[in-house]
Amino acid sequence: MKKEANKFPALWPVPKVIVSVRDKDGKDSALVISLAANVSIDPPMVIVAINPARFSHRMIKENPCFVINFPGKNFQKEYDYLSYRSNWDEDKFNGLELKTEDATCVNASILSDCPVNVECSVVESYMPGSHELFVGKVVSVHCDEKYLDEKGNILWDKLELL
């Protein structure tokens, strides 16, 4: 027999991702989000949802790009730290000493220790409810070489993601 369930989360599982952003003055930040999904194949586009109360929301509004970082299982401590801390209170990057590098196509940082990084340029945003949805055109994808096949496809089943 079926029973009524809670409406959120209506979809599960969702990927555990960390979104990195940079403000107009070059300050980096990263936040854990609970919604990221593909929304278009041609052109490749994704969507991320960010609550306007989050520190990084302002950053993505003034510098409309972001990087989706897929953390491996060895990144649990950093993932948890970024989940529970806010840049309103402290500089999260300094607190963790994260290894970063500049993205190649957008003005944001890549979390170097994450095996997959997806660079996106914001093309639209919507505010349908509690979170603003940012639609990002995928402009570059980086993956640790050992997780790529000979054609450049990511071997998702080989990744040990959180």
Protein backbone atom coordinates (compact mmCIF):
# COMPACT_ATOMS: atom_id res chain seq x y z
CA MET A 1 0.00 0.00 0.00
CA LYS A 2 1.27 3.48 -0.90
CA LYS A 3 1.18 6.34 1.62
CA GLU A 4 1.68 10.07 1.16
CA ALA A 5 5.36 11.04 1.60
CA ASN A 6 7.09 14.35 2.21
CA LYS A 7 7.33 16.44 -0.94
CA PHE A 8 10.98 17.38 -0.48
CA PRO A 9 13.23 15.96 -1.66
CA ALA A 10 10.98 14.70 -4.42
CA LEU A 11 13.96 13.41 -6.43
CA TRP A 12 16.73 11.27 -5.00
CA PRO A 13 19.60 10.71 -5.29
CA VAL A 14 20.96 14.11 -6.17
CA PRO A 15 24.65 14.58 -6.91
CA LYS A 16 26.79 15.93 -4.09
CA VAL A 17 28.48 18.94 -5.62
CA ILE A 18 30.38 22.03 -4.57
CA VAL A 19 29.89 25.21 -6.59
CA SER A 20 32.80 27.61 -6.72
CA VAL A 21 32.34 31.28 -7.56
CA ARG A 22 34.36 34.49 -7.61
CA ASP A 23 33.20 38.03 -6.94
CA LYS A 24 33.99 41.09 -9.05
CA ASP A 25 37.01 41.84 -6.82
CA GLY A 26 38.55 38.38 -7.30
CA LYS A 27 37.56 36.83 -3.94
CA ASP A 28 36.73 33.13 -4.21
CA SER A 29 34.05 31.18 -2.40
CA ALA A 30 32.52 27.74 -2.59
CA LEU A 31 29.26 26.29 -1.34
CA VAL A 32 27.58 22.92 -1.18
CA ILE A 33 24.26 22.90 -3.00
CA SER A 34 21.49 20.33 -3.03
CA LEU A 35 20.25 20.85 -6.57
CA ALA A 36 22.30 20.51 -9.74
CA ALA A 37 21.07 18.89 -12.92
CA ASN A 38 21.48 18.70 -16.68
CA VAL A 39 18.83 20.74 -18.51
CA SER A 40 19.98 20.66 -22.15
CA ILE A 41 22.10 18.46 -24.35
CA ASP A 42 22.45 20.85 -27.29
CA PRO A 43 23.84 23.20 -26.24
CA PRO A 44 25.03 21.52 -23.05
CA MET A 45 23.50 23.34 -20.08
CA VAL A 46 23.06 22.67 -16.38
CA ILE A 47 21.09 24.25 -13.58
CA VAL A 48 22.06 25.01 -9.99
CA ALA A 49 19.82 26.34 -7.22
CA ILE A 50 21.18 28.85 -4.70
CA ASN A 51 19.28 30.47 -1.87
CA PRO A 52 19.54 34.31 -2.03
CA ALA A 53 20.54 34.37 1.64
CA ARG A 54 23.78 32.54 0.83
CA PHE A 55 26.95 34.63 0.62
CA SER A 56 27.82 33.16 -2.79
CA HIS A 57 24.49 34.22 -4.30
CA ARG A 58 25.65 37.84 -4.48
CA MET A 59 28.90 36.71 -6.07
CA ILE A 60 27.24 34.79 -8.90
CA LYS A 61 24.89 37.72 -9.56
CA GLU A 62 27.80 40.16 -10.02
CA ASN A 63 30.05 37.70 -11.86
CA PRO A 64 27.65 35.41 -13.77
CA CYS A 65 29.61 32.19 -13.92
CA PHE A 66 30.39 29.22 -11.71
CA VAL A 67 32.17 25.88 -11.57
CA ILE A 68 30.46 22.67 -10.45
CA ASN A 69 33.01 20.49 -8.64
CA PHE A 70 32.32 16.79 -8.04
CA PRO A 71 34.09 15.72 -4.83
CA GLY A 72 35.58 12.27 -4.39
CA LYS A 73 35.17 10.21 -1.23
CA ASN A 74 38.51 11.54 0.02
CA PHE A 75 36.96 15.05 0.12
CA GLN A 76 34.39 14.36 2.88
CA LYS A 77 36.01 16.65 5.48
CA GLU A 78 36.10 19.58 3.06
CA TYR A 79 32.56 18.88 1.84
CA ASP A 80 31.23 18.87 5.41
CA TYR A 81 33.13 22.05 6.28
CA LEU A 82 31.74 23.87 3.22
CA SER A 83 28.25 22.57 4.06
CA TYR A 84 28.14 24.05 7.55
CA ARG A 85 30.23 27.21 7.30
CA SER A 86 29.37 30.54 5.75
CA ASN A 87 31.55 33.21 4.21
CA TRP A 88 29.32 35.68 6.09
CA ASP A 89 31.23 34.53 9.20
CA GLU A 90 34.67 33.50 7.93
CA ASP A 91 36.78 33.01 4.81
CA LYS A 92 36.01 29.36 4.05
CA PHE A 93 38.93 29.04 1.63
CA ASN A 94 41.45 30.08 4.29
CA GLY A 95 39.83 27.79 6.85
CA LEU A 96 40.44 24.75 4.65
CA GLU A 97 43.50 25.70 2.63
CA LEU A 98 41.78 24.37 -0.48
CA LYS A 99 43.90 23.66 -3.54
CA THR A 100 42.52 25.74 -6.38
CA GLU A 101 43.42 26.88 -9.84
CA ASP A 102 41.86 29.38 -12.18
CA ALA A 103 39.24 27.99 -14.50
CA THR A 104 40.25 28.11 -18.15
CA CYS A 105 37.09 29.70 -19.62
CA VAL A 106 35.22 31.44 -16.79
CA ASN A 107 36.28 33.81 -14.01
CA ALA A 108 36.04 31.36 -11.11
CA SER A 109 38.22 28.81 -9.38
CA ILE A 110 38.40 25.06 -9.83
CA LEU A 111 38.77 22.87 -6.74
CA SER A 112 41.84 20.96 -7.88
CA ASP A 113 41.30 17.93 -5.63
CA CYS A 114 37.85 17.23 -7.09
CA PRO A 115 38.12 14.74 -9.99
CA VAL A 116 35.54 16.49 -12.21
CA ASN A 117 34.99 20.24 -12.68
CA VAL A 118 32.37 21.78 -14.97
CA GLU A 119 32.84 25.42 -15.98
CA CYS A 120 29.61 27.29 -16.69
CA SER A 121 28.56 30.70 -17.88
CA VAL A 122 25.15 31.89 -16.64
CA VAL A 123 22.67 32.38 -19.48
CA GLU A 124 19.48 32.83 -17.44
CA SER A 125 18.19 32.82 -13.90
CA TYR A 126 14.76 32.33 -12.38
CA MET A 127 13.28 32.80 -8.92
CA PRO A 128 10.40 30.30 -8.79
CA GLY A 129 10.45 29.90 -5.00
CA SER A 130 12.97 29.80 -2.16
CA HIS A 131 16.03 29.35 -4.42
CA GLU A 132 17.22 31.18 -7.52
CA LEU A 133 17.84 28.80 -10.40
CA PHE A 134 20.91 29.63 -12.48
CA VAL A 135 21.05 28.06 -15.93
CA GLY A 136 24.65 27.69 -16.98
CA LYS A 137 26.01 26.93 -20.43
CA VAL A 138 28.77 24.35 -20.06
CA VAL A 139 31.90 25.92 -21.57
CA SER A 140 34.53 23.45 -20.37
CA VAL A 141 34.75 20.18 -18.45
CA HIS A 142 37.90 18.98 -16.68
CA CYS A 143 38.42 15.43 -15.47
CA ASP A 144 41.33 13.56 -13.94
CA GLU A 145 42.83 11.62 -16.85
CA LYS A 146 42.41 8.22 -15.20
CA TYR A 147 38.62 8.64 -15.36
CA LEU A 148 38.47 9.32 -19.11
CA ASP A 149 38.13 6.80 -21.90
CA GLU A 150 40.07 7.10 -25.17
CA LYS A 151 37.31 9.34 -26.66
CA GLY A 152 37.29 11.78 -23.73
CA ASN A 153 34.10 10.44 -22.14
CA ILE A 154 33.98 10.52 -18.36
CA LEU A 155 33.83 7.04 -16.85
CA TRP A 156 31.28 7.98 -14.18
CA ASP A 157 31.05 4.41 -12.91
CA LYS A 158 34.79 4.44 -12.11
CA LEU A 159 34.63 7.63 -10.06
CA GLU A 160 34.35 7.21 -6.32
CA LEU A 161 32.24 10.28 -5.63
CA LEU A 162 30.65 11.28 -2.34
